[in-house]
């Protein structure tokens, strides 16, 4: 892979530009190579037959918890939100990620309905919108102006030291959610409005029957679970570059059990049609493609590394020029 990094690359100095690649993202070519060698991997494709039951259990447990905190103190609500509810809501966020790939049902619309259902305890409508942007992240990984998973220039200019990175991590869910709406807004359709109205109806019902604390608990659980929290480490671990030779990283720790195995991220990008609970089999079948890639065992450690490593920051992402610009650059370099 030919990679150029513009800006500072000295040890201990934060970069002033992204990493730039002038080759295609690595997953499509690796997918073709693996399938040609191990065609049996196609047998892993298809929906997770237990997805609905797993999602329903978490949704009902979280809503039940919210209705039983109506007389609790704010300190208790915050404590339960961080040490319990955050794990449930982040699990549902990653269930929505799974559903964006149609991995619960073969019929896409059924996955959207289930995504709207999984969205309920999160408190704010995001399931349908997330799918639109997330699929572009897969199809156009790192492409400038298309892949909204990459920090904006505003973020890179604001986050330049350890304190700023700490604040960014705490608020990263807001940046993750709002970034595409500002940089690449898409007109809402019927599905978005359906997601919005059903979510507002649930939120209003909670407030009407159980009071504001029930809704506040859900919102807090979403917020703290997406910030300085072990499960939120995947936001950084997946594609932030700690090694210039690699742009996607897997995590093989115990939190995969609670996160739909999103930690198997190289495997997921290689085979997005395989549900999370089967991704470990990809590594078992084709170990030579993954054993030599750098990976993580702790998402908490990844957050610590991101904050404390002075050379790592929002610029630590791989970017690619859009196809036309890349072609022009290639001719220029010849």
C-alpha atoms as a PDB file:
ATOM      1  CA  UNK A   1       0.000   0.000   0.000  1.00  0.00           C
ATOM      2  CA  UNK A   2       1.316   3.438  -0.909  1.00  0.00           C
ATOM      3  CA  UNK A   3       0.618   5.794   1.946  1.00  0.00           C
ATOM      4  CA  UNK A   4       1.547   9.428   2.334  1.00  0.00           C
ATOM      5  CA  UNK A   5       1.151  11.416   5.502  1.00  0.00           C
ATOM      6  CA  UNK A   6       1.278  15.155   5.204  1.00  0.00           C
ATOM      7  CA  UNK A   7       2.288  17.201   8.220  1.00  0.00           C
ATOM      8  CA  UNK A   8       4.243  16.290  11.329  1.00  0.00           C
ATOM      9  CA  UNK A   9       5.299  12.679  11.736  1.00  0.00           C
ATOM     10  CA  UNK A  10       7.898  13.119  14.470  1.00  0.00           C
ATOM     11  CA  UNK A  11       7.547  10.971  17.563  1.00  0.00           C
ATOM     12  CA  UNK A  12       5.470  12.686  20.224  1.00  0.00           C
ATOM     13  CA  UNK A  13       4.136  15.364  17.856  1.00  0.00           C
ATOM     14  CA  UNK A  14       0.515  15.270  16.749  1.00  0.00           C
ATOM     15  CA  UNK A  15       0.002  15.165  12.987  1.00  0.00           C
ATOM     16  CA  UNK A  16      -1.390  18.137  11.102  1.00  0.00           C
ATOM     17  CA  UNK A  17      -3.008  16.100   8.350  1.00  0.00           C
ATOM     18  CA  UNK A  18      -4.603  12.705   7.829  1.00  0.00           C
ATOM     19  CA  UNK A  19      -2.851   9.637   6.515  1.00  0.00           C
ATOM     20  CA  UNK A  20      -3.545   9.439   2.771  1.00  0.00           C
ATOM     21  CA  UNK A  21      -3.743   6.208   0.810  1.00  0.00           C
ATOM     22  CA  UNK A  22      -3.636   6.040  -2.960  1.00  0.00           C
ATOM     23  CA  UNK A  23      -4.781   2.438  -3.150  1.00  0.00           C
ATOM     24  CA  UNK A  24      -8.213   0.883  -2.614  1.00  0.00           C
ATOM     25  CA  UNK A  25      -9.361  -0.075   0.869  1.00  0.00           C
ATOM     26  CA  UNK A  26      -7.980  -3.506   1.804  1.00  0.00           C
ATOM     27  CA  UNK A  27     -11.157  -5.426   2.566  1.00  0.00           C
ATOM     28  CA  UNK A  28     -12.649  -6.090  -0.874  1.00  0.00           C
ATOM     29  CA  UNK A  29      -9.447  -7.618  -2.254  1.00  0.00           C
ATOM     30  CA  UNK A  30      -8.900  -9.692   0.893  1.00  0.00           C
ATOM     31  CA  UNK A  31     -12.512 -10.889   0.719  1.00  0.00           C
ATOM     32  CA  UNK A  32     -12.021 -12.136  -2.847  1.00  0.00           C
ATOM     33  CA  UNK A  33      -8.749 -13.836  -1.957  1.00  0.00           C
ATOM     34  CA  UNK A  34     -10.165 -15.569   1.102  1.00  0.00           C
ATOM     35  CA  UNK A  35     -13.294 -16.745  -0.722  1.00  0.00           C
ATOM     36  CA  UNK A  36     -11.239 -18.166  -3.562  1.00  0.00           C
ATOM     37  CA  UNK A  37      -9.198 -20.153  -1.041  1.00  0.00           C
ATOM     38  CA  UNK A  38     -11.971 -20.952   1.455  1.00  0.00           C
ATOM     39  CA  UNK A  39     -15.318 -20.945  -0.389  1.00  0.00           C
ATOM     40  CA  UNK A  40     -16.971 -22.600   2.635  1.00  0.00           C
ATOM     41  CA  UNK A  41     -16.996 -19.196   4.328  1.00  0.00           C
ATOM     42  CA  UNK A  42     -20.098 -18.420   2.269  1.00  0.00           C
ATOM     43  CA  UNK A  43     -21.923 -20.912   4.489  1.00  0.00           C
ATOM     44  CA  UNK A  44     -21.569 -18.372   7.306  1.00  0.00           C
ATOM     45  CA  UNK A  45     -23.566 -15.747   5.414  1.00  0.00           C
ATOM     46  CA  UNK A  46     -27.133 -15.029   6.472  1.00  0.00           C
ATOM     47  CA  UNK A  47     -29.236 -13.750   9.366  1.00  0.00           C
ATOM     48  CA  UNK A  48     -28.809 -14.434  13.051  1.00  0.00           C
ATOM     49  CA  UNK A  49     -31.899 -16.514  13.972  1.00  0.00           C
ATOM     50  CA  UNK A  50     -31.808 -15.318  17.593  1.00  0.00           C
ATOM     51  CA  UNK A  51     -31.379 -11.610  16.847  1.00  0.00           C
ATOM     52  CA  UNK A  52     -34.995 -10.671  17.567  1.00  0.00           C
ATOM     53  CA  UNK A  53     -35.033 -12.493  20.913  1.00  0.00           C
ATOM     54  CA  UNK A  54     -31.740 -10.976  22.025  1.00  0.00           C
ATOM     55  CA  UNK A  55     -32.858  -7.468  21.120  1.00  0.00           C
ATOM     56  CA  UNK A  56     -36.300  -7.870  22.682  1.00  0.00           C
ATOM     57  CA  UNK A  57     -34.778  -9.055  25.972  1.00  0.00           C
ATOM     58  CA  UNK A  58     -32.478  -6.018  26.227  1.00  0.00           C
ATOM     59  CA  UNK A  59     -35.186  -3.545  25.197  1.00  0.00           C
ATOM     60  CA  UNK A  60     -37.651  -4.858  27.766  1.00  0.00           C
ATOM     61  CA  UNK A  61     -35.048  -5.007  30.533  1.00  0.00           C
ATOM     62  CA  UNK A  62     -33.932  -1.438  29.893  1.00  0.00           C
ATOM     63  CA  UNK A  63     -37.461  -0.039  29.736  1.00  0.00           C
ATOM     64  CA  UNK A  64     -38.368  -1.919  32.915  1.00  0.00           C
ATOM     65  CA  UNK A  65     -35.331  -0.422  34.629  1.00  0.00           C
ATOM     66  CA  UNK A  66     -36.327   3.082  33.531  1.00  0.00           C
ATOM     67  CA  UNK A  67     -39.809   2.727  35.003  1.00  0.00           C
ATOM     68  CA  UNK A  68     -38.388   1.583  38.351  1.00  0.00           C
ATOM     69  CA  UNK A  69     -36.139   4.610  38.860  1.00  0.00           C
ATOM     70  CA  UNK A  70     -38.893   7.217  39.029  1.00  0.00           C
ATOM     71  CA  UNK A  71     -38.356   7.881  42.750  1.00  0.00           C
ATOM     72  CA  UNK A  72     -34.575   7.388  42.753  1.00  0.00           C
ATOM     73  CA  UNK A  73     -32.119  10.177  43.516  1.00  0.00           C
ATOM     74  CA  UNK A  74     -30.213  11.712  40.618  1.00  0.00           C
ATOM     75  CA  UNK A  75     -26.996  10.205  41.969  1.00  0.00           C
ATOM     76  CA  UNK A  76     -28.535   6.734  41.913  1.00  0.00           C
ATOM     77  CA  UNK A  77     -29.883   7.304  38.410  1.00  0.00           C
ATOM     78  CA  UNK A  78     -26.454   8.381  37.165  1.00  0.00           C
ATOM     79  CA  UNK A  79     -24.786   5.430  38.889  1.00  0.00           C
ATOM     80  CA  UNK A  80     -27.210   2.884  37.460  1.00  0.00           C
ATOM     81  CA  UNK A  81     -26.955   4.561  34.054  1.00  0.00           C
ATOM     82  CA  UNK A  82     -23.160   4.258  33.958  1.00  0.00           C
ATOM     83  CA  UNK A  83     -22.648   0.829  35.516  1.00  0.00           C
ATOM     84  CA  UNK A  84     -25.721  -0.924  34.091  1.00  0.00           C
ATOM     85  CA  UNK A  85     -27.855   0.966  31.583  1.00  0.00           C
ATOM     86  CA  UNK A  86     -24.889   2.098  29.499  1.00  0.00           C
ATOM     87  CA  UNK A  87     -24.036  -1.529  28.686  1.00  0.00           C
ATOM     88  CA  UNK A  88     -27.612  -2.232  27.614  1.00  0.00           C
ATOM     89  CA  UNK A  89     -27.962   0.854  25.421  1.00  0.00           C
ATOM     90  CA  UNK A  90     -24.587   0.357  23.794  1.00  0.00           C
ATOM     91  CA  UNK A  91     -25.589  -3.232  23.135  1.00  0.00           C
ATOM     92  CA  UNK A  92     -28.689  -1.912  21.371  1.00  0.00           C
ATOM     93  CA  UNK A  93     -26.658   0.604  19.392  1.00  0.00           C
ATOM     94  CA  UNK A  94     -24.533  -2.256  18.100  1.00  0.00           C
ATOM     95  CA  UNK A  95     -27.654  -4.331  17.470  1.00  0.00           C
ATOM     96  CA  UNK A  96     -28.744  -1.483  15.190  1.00  0.00           C
ATOM     97  CA  UNK A  97     -25.338  -1.733  13.529  1.00  0.00           C
ATOM     98  CA  UNK A  98     -26.007  -5.431  12.948  1.00  0.00           C
ATOM     99  CA  UNK A  99     -29.458  -4.664  11.558  1.00  0.00           C
ATOM    100  CA  UNK A 100     -28.059  -2.075   9.164  1.00  0.00           C
ATOM    101  CA  UNK A 101     -26.498  -5.053   7.367  1.00  0.00           C
ATOM    102  CA  UNK A 102     -29.830  -6.921   7.339  1.00  0.00           C
ATOM    103  CA  UNK A 103     -28.513  -9.621   9.657  1.00  0.00           C
ATOM    104  CA  UNK A 104     -31.715 -10.408  11.565  1.00  0.00           C
ATOM    105  CA  UNK A 105     -34.050 -11.099   8.636  1.00  0.00           C
ATOM    106  CA  UNK A 106     -33.629 -11.701   4.933  1.00  0.00           C
ATOM    107  CA  UNK A 107     -36.254  -9.030   4.198  1.00  0.00           C
ATOM    108  CA  UNK A 108     -34.662  -5.551   4.590  1.00  0.00           C
ATOM    109  CA  UNK A 109     -37.846  -3.850   5.824  1.00  0.00           C
ATOM    110  CA  UNK A 110     -38.133  -6.313   8.719  1.00  0.00           C
ATOM    111  CA  UNK A 111     -34.642  -5.308   9.825  1.00  0.00           C
ATOM    112  CA  UNK A 112     -35.646  -1.636   9.712  1.00  0.00           C
ATOM    113  CA  UNK A 113     -38.687  -2.273  11.892  1.00  0.00           C
ATOM    114  CA  UNK A 114     -36.583  -4.209  14.364  1.00  0.00           C
ATOM    115  CA  UNK A 115     -34.043  -1.391  14.314  1.00  0.00           C
ATOM    116  CA  UNK A 116     -36.771   1.106  15.250  1.00  0.00           C
ATOM    117  CA  UNK A 117     -37.764  -1.204  18.099  1.00  0.00           C
ATOM    118  CA  UNK A 118     -34.148  -1.546  19.279  1.00  0.00           C
ATOM    119  CA  UNK A 119     -33.868   2.242  19.140  1.00  0.00           C
ATOM    120  CA  UNK A 120     -36.571   2.793  21.787  1.00  0.00           C
ATOM    121  CA  UNK A 121     -34.434   2.709  24.983  1.00  0.00           C
ATOM    122  CA  UNK A 122     -31.736   4.850  23.338  1.00  0.00           C
ATOM    123  CA  UNK A 123     -34.118   7.793  23.680  1.00  0.00           C
ATOM    124  CA  UNK A 124     -33.310   9.627  20.433  1.00  0.00           C
ATOM    125  CA  UNK A 125     -34.173   8.411  16.914  1.00  0.00           C
ATOM    126  CA  UNK A 126     -31.098   7.247  15.007  1.00  0.00           C
ATOM    127  CA  UNK A 127     -31.595   3.744  13.626  1.00  0.00           C
ATOM    128  CA  UNK A 128     -32.683   4.547  10.057  1.00  0.00           C
ATOM    129  CA  UNK A 129     -30.283   7.465   9.611  1.00  0.00           C
ATOM    130  CA  UNK A 130     -27.395   5.413  10.960  1.00  0.00           C
ATOM    131  CA  UNK A 131     -27.953   2.724   8.322  1.00  0.00           C
ATOM    132  CA  UNK A 132     -27.635   5.196   5.440  1.00  0.00           C
ATOM    133  CA  UNK A 133     -24.328   6.582   6.579  1.00  0.00           C
ATOM    134  CA  UNK A 134     -22.900   3.322   7.861  1.00  0.00           C
ATOM    135  CA  UNK A 135     -23.287   1.487   4.568  1.00  0.00           C
ATOM    136  CA  UNK A 136     -21.370   4.315   2.884  1.00  0.00           C
ATOM    137  CA  UNK A 137     -18.609   3.815   5.446  1.00  0.00           C
ATOM    138  CA  UNK A 138     -18.289   0.246   4.177  1.00  0.00           C
ATOM    139  CA  UNK A 139     -18.546   1.022   0.470  1.00  0.00           C
ATOM    140  CA  UNK A 140     -16.294   4.076   0.571  1.00  0.00           C
ATOM    141  CA  UNK A 141     -13.991   3.461   3.527  1.00  0.00           C
ATOM    142  CA  UNK A 142     -11.868   6.535   4.117  1.00  0.00           C
ATOM    143  CA  UNK A 143     -13.062   8.395   1.023  1.00  0.00           C
ATOM    144  CA  UNK A 144     -12.887  12.119   1.665  1.00  0.00           C
ATOM    145  CA  UNK A 145     -16.321  13.725   1.887  1.00  0.00           C
ATOM    146  CA  UNK A 146     -18.204  10.411   1.848  1.00  0.00           C
ATOM    147  CA  UNK A 147     -17.065   8.353   4.843  1.00  0.00           C
ATOM    148  CA  UNK A 148     -18.610  10.228   7.776  1.00  0.00           C
ATOM    149  CA  UNK A 149     -16.877   7.971  10.294  1.00  0.00           C
ATOM    150  CA  UNK A 150     -13.804  10.204   9.964  1.00  0.00           C
ATOM    151  CA  UNK A 151     -13.469  13.310  12.171  1.00  0.00           C
ATOM    152  CA  UNK A 152     -14.210  16.670  10.603  1.00  0.00           C
ATOM    153  CA  UNK A 153     -11.576  19.369  10.153  1.00  0.00           C
ATOM    154  CA  UNK A 154     -13.322  21.320  12.912  1.00  0.00           C
ATOM    155  CA  UNK A 155     -12.693  18.438  15.308  1.00  0.00           C
ATOM    156  CA  UNK A 156      -9.065  18.114  14.253  1.00  0.00           C
ATOM    157  CA  UNK A 157      -8.459  21.823  14.850  1.00  0.00           C
ATOM    158  CA  UNK A 158     -10.141  21.747  18.263  1.00  0.00           C
ATOM    159  CA  UNK A 159      -8.521  18.579  19.601  1.00  0.00           C
ATOM    160  CA  UNK A 160      -4.792  19.171  19.932  1.00  0.00           C
ATOM    161  CA  UNK A 161      -3.770  18.081  23.433  1.00  0.00           C
ATOM    162  CA  UNK A 162      -4.492  15.556  26.170  1.00  0.00           C
ATOM    163  CA  UNK A 163      -7.234  17.619  27.822  1.00  0.00           C
ATOM    164  CA  UNK A 164      -9.005  18.276  24.531  1.00  0.00           C
ATOM    165  CA  UNK A 165      -8.788  14.587  23.618  1.00  0.00           C
ATOM    166  CA  UNK A 166     -10.302  13.645  26.982  1.00  0.00           C
ATOM    167  CA  UNK A 167     -13.231  16.002  26.408  1.00  0.00           C
ATOM    168  CA  UNK A 168     -13.605  14.714  22.848  1.00  0.00           C
ATOM    169  CA  UNK A 169     -13.790  11.113  24.103  1.00  0.00           C
ATOM    170  CA  UNK A 170     -16.477  12.056  26.642  1.00  0.00           C
ATOM    171  CA  UNK A 171     -18.486  13.791  23.901  1.00  0.00           C
ATOM    172  CA  UNK A 172     -17.567  11.492  21.007  1.00  0.00           C
ATOM    173  CA  UNK A 173     -21.104  10.159  20.668  1.00  0.00           C
ATOM    174  CA  UNK A 174     -22.320  13.683  19.891  1.00  0.00           C
ATOM    175  CA  UNK A 175     -19.607  14.148  17.264  1.00  0.00           C
ATOM    176  CA  UNK A 176     -20.361  10.716  15.813  1.00  0.00           C
ATOM    177  CA  UNK A 177     -24.082  11.460  15.561  1.00  0.00           C
ATOM    178  CA  UNK A 178     -23.999  15.098  14.472  1.00  0.00           C
ATOM    179  CA  UNK A 179     -21.006  15.026  12.115  1.00  0.00           C
ATOM    180  CA  UNK A 180     -22.856  13.563   9.092  1.00  0.00           C
ATOM    181  CA  UNK A 181     -25.872  15.821   9.617  1.00  0.00           C
ATOM    182  CA  UNK A 182     -23.657  18.893   9.217  1.00  0.00           C
ATOM    183  CA  UNK A 183     -21.135  17.653   6.653  1.00  0.00           C
ATOM    184  CA  UNK A 184     -23.287  15.469   4.409  1.00  0.00           C
ATOM    185  CA  UNK A 185     -26.973  15.939   5.237  1.00  0.00           C
ATOM    186  CA  UNK A 186     -29.410  13.586   3.558  1.00  0.00           C
ATOM    187  CA  UNK A 187     -33.095  14.432   3.063  1.00  0.00           C
ATOM    188  CA  UNK A 188     -35.249  12.394   5.473  1.00  0.00           C
ATOM    189  CA  UNK A 189     -37.700   9.920   4.034  1.00  0.00           C
ATOM    190  CA  UNK A 190     -40.719   7.986   5.255  1.00  0.00           C
ATOM    191  CA  UNK A 191     -38.586   5.582   7.295  1.00  0.00           C
ATOM    192  CA  UNK A 192     -36.838   8.439   9.133  1.00  0.00           C
ATOM    193  CA  UNK A 193     -40.154  10.053  10.009  1.00  0.00           C
ATOM    194  CA  UNK A 194     -41.508   6.694  11.164  1.00  0.00           C
ATOM    195  CA  UNK A 195     -38.448   6.259  13.392  1.00  0.00           C
ATOM    196  CA  UNK A 196     -38.928   9.801  14.740  1.00  0.00           C
ATOM    197  CA  UNK A 197     -42.648   9.536  15.504  1.00  0.00           C
ATOM    198  CA  UNK A 198     -42.415   6.121  17.189  1.00  0.00           C
ATOM    199  CA  UNK A 199     -39.485   7.299  19.305  1.00  0.00           C
ATOM    200  CA  UNK A 200     -41.269  10.508  20.330  1.00  0.00           C
ATOM    201  CA  UNK A 201     -44.366   8.489  21.224  1.00  0.00           C
ATOM    202  CA  UNK A 202     -42.334   6.221  23.499  1.00  0.00           C
ATOM    203  CA  UNK A 203     -40.517   9.143  25.108  1.00  0.00           C
ATOM    204  CA  UNK A 204     -43.774  11.026  25.697  1.00  0.00           C
ATOM    205  CA  UNK A 205     -45.419   7.927  27.178  1.00  0.00           C
ATOM    206  CA  UNK A 206     -42.550   7.441  29.612  1.00  0.00           C
ATOM    207  CA  UNK A 207     -42.746  11.040  30.782  1.00  0.00           C
ATOM    208  CA  UNK A 208     -46.545  10.942  31.034  1.00  0.00           C
ATOM    209  CA  UNK A 209     -46.808   7.701  33.016  1.00  0.00           C
ATOM    210  CA  UNK A 210     -43.506   7.564  34.916  1.00  0.00           C
ATOM    211  CA  UNK A 211     -42.095  11.092  34.875  1.00  0.00           C
ATOM    212  CA  UNK A 212     -39.005  12.788  33.511  1.00  0.00           C
ATOM    213  CA  UNK A 213     -36.537  10.688  35.488  1.00  0.00           C
ATOM    214  CA  UNK A 214     -37.402   7.574  33.492  1.00  0.00           C
ATOM    215  CA  UNK A 215     -36.531   9.312  30.219  1.00  0.00           C
ATOM    216  CA  UNK A 216     -33.499  11.023  31.753  1.00  0.00           C
ATOM    217  CA  UNK A 217     -32.130   7.618  32.777  1.00  0.00           C
ATOM    218  CA  UNK A 218     -32.322   6.344  29.195  1.00  0.00           C
ATOM    219  CA  UNK A 219     -30.662   9.456  27.754  1.00  0.00           C
ATOM    220  CA  UNK A 220     -27.940   9.328  30.398  1.00  0.00           C
ATOM    221  CA  UNK A 221     -27.322   5.642  29.728  1.00  0.00           C
ATOM    222  CA  UNK A 222     -26.876   6.409  26.030  1.00  0.00           C
ATOM    223  CA  UNK A 223     -24.585   9.398  26.669  1.00  0.00           C
ATOM    224  CA  UNK A 224     -22.255   7.860  29.261  1.00  0.00           C
ATOM    225  CA  UNK A 225     -22.128   4.567  27.364  1.00  0.00           C
ATOM    226  CA  UNK A 226     -20.819   6.375  24.300  1.00  0.00           C
ATOM    227  CA  UNK A 227     -18.137   8.408  26.064  1.00  0.00           C
ATOM    228  CA  UNK A 228     -15.435   7.517  28.598  1.00  0.00           C
ATOM    229  CA  UNK A 229     -16.699   3.972  28.844  1.00  0.00           C
ATOM    230  CA  UNK A 230     -15.100   0.568  28.106  1.00  0.00           C
ATOM    231  CA  UNK A 231     -17.641  -0.350  25.436  1.00  0.00           C
ATOM    232  CA  UNK A 232     -17.138   2.968  23.618  1.00  0.00           C
ATOM    233  CA  UNK A 233     -13.509   2.067  23.046  1.00  0.00           C
ATOM    234  CA  UNK A 234     -14.547   0.378  19.813  1.00  0.00           C
ATOM    235  CA  UNK A 235     -15.193   3.791  18.225  1.00  0.00           C
ATOM    236  CA  UNK A 236     -11.450   4.440  18.446  1.00  0.00           C
ATOM    237  CA  UNK A 237     -10.050   0.929  18.128  1.00  0.00           C
ATOM    238  CA  UNK A 238     -11.731   0.134  14.817  1.00  0.00           C
ATOM    239  CA  UNK A 239      -9.960   2.576  12.490  1.00  0.00           C
ATOM    240  CA  UNK A 240      -7.756   5.016  14.394  1.00  0.00           C
ATOM    241  CA  UNK A 241      -4.202   4.460  13.262  1.00  0.00           C
ATOM    242  CA  UNK A 242      -1.572   3.553  15.810  1.00  0.00           C
ATOM    243  CA  UNK A 243       0.394   1.735  13.101  1.00  0.00           C
ATOM    244  CA  UNK A 244       0.684   3.422   9.652  1.00  0.00           C
ATOM    245  CA  UNK A 245       0.668   0.050   7.884  1.00  0.00           C
ATOM    246  CA  UNK A 246      -2.853  -0.862   9.038  1.00  0.00           C
ATOM    247  CA  UNK A 247      -6.169   1.008   8.928  1.00  0.00           C
ATOM    248  CA  UNK A 248      -8.627  -1.470  10.477  1.00  0.00           C
ATOM    249  CA  UNK A 249      -8.080  -3.226  13.792  1.00  0.00           C
ATOM    250  CA  UNK A 250      -9.856  -6.064  15.550  1.00  0.00           C
ATOM    251  CA  UNK A 251     -10.469  -6.506  19.257  1.00  0.00           C
ATOM    252  CA  UNK A 252     -10.488 -10.023  20.727  1.00  0.00           C
ATOM    253  CA  UNK A 253     -11.566  -9.340  24.290  1.00  0.00           C
ATOM    254  CA  UNK A 254     -14.519 -10.427  26.448  1.00  0.00           C
ATOM    255  CA  UNK A 255     -16.724  -7.429  25.649  1.00  0.00           C
ATOM    256  CA  UNK A 256     -17.433  -8.994  22.267  1.00  0.00           C
ATOM    257  CA  UNK A 257     -20.010 -11.074  24.132  1.00  0.00           C
ATOM    258  CA  UNK A 258     -21.996  -7.892  24.853  1.00  0.00           C
ATOM    259  CA  UNK A 259     -21.370  -6.040  21.592  1.00  0.00           C
ATOM    260  CA  UNK A 260     -22.487  -8.400  18.851  1.00  0.00           C
ATOM    261  CA  UNK A 261     -18.800  -9.231  18.264  1.00  0.00           C
ATOM    262  CA  UNK A 262     -18.175  -5.847  16.654  1.00  0.00           C
ATOM    263  CA  UNK A 263     -14.615  -6.240  17.919  1.00  0.00           C
ATOM    264  CA  UNK A 264     -13.980  -8.660  15.055  1.00  0.00           C
ATOM    265  CA  UNK A 265     -13.744  -5.602  12.880  1.00  0.00           C
ATOM    266  CA  UNK A 266     -11.347  -6.726  10.181  1.00  0.00           C
ATOM    267  CA  UNK A 267     -13.471  -9.833   9.802  1.00  0.00           C
ATOM    268  CA  UNK A 268     -16.631  -7.706   9.732  1.00  0.00           C
ATOM    269  CA  UNK A 269     -15.356  -5.379   7.009  1.00  0.00           C
ATOM    270  CA  UNK A 270     -14.116  -8.353   5.025  1.00  0.00           C
ATOM    271  CA  UNK A 271     -17.484 -10.122   5.334  1.00  0.00           C
ATOM    272  CA  UNK A 272     -20.293  -7.728   6.325  1.00  0.00           C
ATOM    273  CA  UNK A 273     -22.882 -10.370   5.399  1.00  0.00           C
ATOM    274  CA  UNK A 274     -21.787 -12.612   8.275  1.00  0.00           C
ATOM    275  CA  UNK A 275     -23.572 -11.943  11.592  1.00  0.00           C
ATOM    276  CA  UNK A 276     -21.473 -11.091  14.606  1.00  0.00           C
ATOM    277  CA  UNK A 277     -21.874 -14.384  16.424  1.00  0.00           C
ATOM    278  CA  UNK A 278     -20.271 -16.254  13.490  1.00  0.00           C
ATOM    279  CA  UNK A 279     -17.365 -13.860  12.796  1.00  0.00           C
ATOM    280  CA  UNK A 280     -14.931 -15.762  15.001  1.00  0.00           C
ATOM    281  CA  UNK A 281     -15.242 -18.659  12.567  1.00  0.00           C
ATOM    282  CA  UNK A 282     -13.745 -16.534   9.779  1.00  0.00           C
ATOM    283  CA  UNK A 283     -10.549 -16.206  11.793  1.00  0.00           C
ATOM    284  CA  UNK A 284     -10.604 -19.935  12.544  1.00  0.00           C
ATOM    285  CA  UNK A 285     -11.015 -20.886   8.883  1.00  0.00           C
ATOM    286  CA  UNK A 286      -8.501 -18.377   7.485  1.00  0.00           C
ATOM    287  CA  UNK A 287      -6.092 -17.648  10.369  1.00  0.00           C
ATOM    288  CA  UNK A 288      -3.177 -16.670   8.145  1.00  0.00           C
ATOM    289  CA  UNK A 289      -5.062 -13.554   7.036  1.00  0.00           C
ATOM    290  CA  UNK A 290      -5.637 -12.226  10.548  1.00  0.00           C
ATOM    291  CA  UNK A 291      -2.997 -13.566  12.941  1.00  0.00           C
ATOM    292  CA  UNK A 292      -0.335 -11.161  11.672  1.00  0.00           C
ATOM    293  CA  UNK A 293      -2.568  -8.087  11.917  1.00  0.00           C
ATOM    294  CA  UNK A 294      -2.255  -5.903  14.993  1.00  0.00           C
ATOM    295  CA  UNK A 295      -5.238  -6.251  17.321  1.00  0.00           C
ATOM    296  CA  UNK A 296      -6.393  -5.286  20.812  1.00  0.00           C
ATOM    297  CA  UNK A 297      -7.428  -7.090  23.978  1.00  0.00           C
ATOM    298  CA  UNK A 298      -8.739  -4.088  25.911  1.00  0.00           C
ATOM    299  CA  UNK A 299     -10.924  -1.213  24.721  1.00  0.00           C
ATOM    300  CA  UNK A 300     -10.179   0.705  27.926  1.00  0.00           C
ATOM    301  CA  UNK A 301      -6.492   0.509  27.063  1.00  0.00           C
ATOM    302  CA  UNK A 302      -7.231   1.857  23.587  1.00  0.00           C
ATOM    303  CA  UNK A 303      -8.966   4.906  25.085  1.00  0.00           C
ATOM    304  CA  UNK A 304      -5.998   5.452  27.411  1.00  0.00           C
ATOM    305  CA  UNK A 305      -3.526   5.144  24.523  1.00  0.00           C
ATOM    306  CA  UNK A 306      -5.516   7.579  22.403  1.00  0.00           C
ATOM    307  CA  UNK A 307      -5.630  10.199  25.141  1.00  0.00           C
ATOM    308  CA  UNK A 308      -2.052   9.863  26.402  1.00  0.00           C
ATOM    309  CA  UNK A 309      -0.145   9.296  23.156  1.00  0.00           C
ATOM    310  CA  UNK A 310       0.799  12.804  22.027  1.00  0.00           C
ATOM    311  CA  UNK A 311       1.255  11.704  18.413  1.00  0.00           C
ATOM    312  CA  UNK A 312      -2.284  10.295  18.103  1.00  0.00           C
ATOM    313  CA  UNK A 313      -5.428  12.374  17.592  1.00  0.00           C
ATOM    314  CA  UNK A 314      -8.336  13.014  15.224  1.00  0.00           C
ATOM    315  CA  UNK A 315      -5.921  13.172  12.284  1.00  0.00           C
ATOM    316  CA  UNK A 316      -4.957   9.545  12.964  1.00  0.00           C
ATOM    317  CA  UNK A 317      -7.250   8.181  10.280  1.00  0.00           C
ATOM    318  CA  UNK A 318      -6.683   6.908   6.759  1.00  0.00           C
ATOM    319  CA  UNK A 319      -8.248   8.930   3.963  1.00  0.00           C
ATOM    320  CA  UNK A 320      -8.623   8.486   0.220  1.00  0.00           C
ATOM    321  CA  UNK A 321      -9.408  10.949  -2.502  1.00  0.00           C
ATOM    322  CA  UNK A 322     -12.748  10.494  -4.325  1.00  0.00           C
ATOM    323  CA  UNK A 323     -12.376   8.411  -7.490  1.00  0.00           C
ATOM    324  CA  UNK A 324     -12.009  11.326  -9.931  1.00  0.00           C
ATOM    325  CA  UNK A 325      -9.475  13.147  -7.776  1.00  0.00           C
ATOM    326  CA  UNK A 326      -7.549   9.937  -7.149  1.00  0.00           C
ATOM    327  CA  UNK A 327      -7.328   9.319 -10.889  1.00  0.00           C
ATOM    328  CA  UNK A 328      -6.029  12.803 -11.502  1.00  0.00           C
ATOM    329  CA  UNK A 329      -3.477  12.418  -8.689  1.00  0.00           C
ATOM    330  CA  UNK A 330      -2.333   9.107 -10.130  1.00  0.00           C
ATOM    331  CA  UNK A 331      -1.669  10.669 -13.545  1.00  0.00           C
ATOM    332  CA  UNK A 332       0.159  13.549 -11.864  1.00  0.00           C
ATOM    333  CA  UNK A 333       2.433  11.125  -9.989  1.00  0.00           C
ATOM    334  CA  UNK A 334       3.329   9.135 -13.116  1.00  0.00           C
END
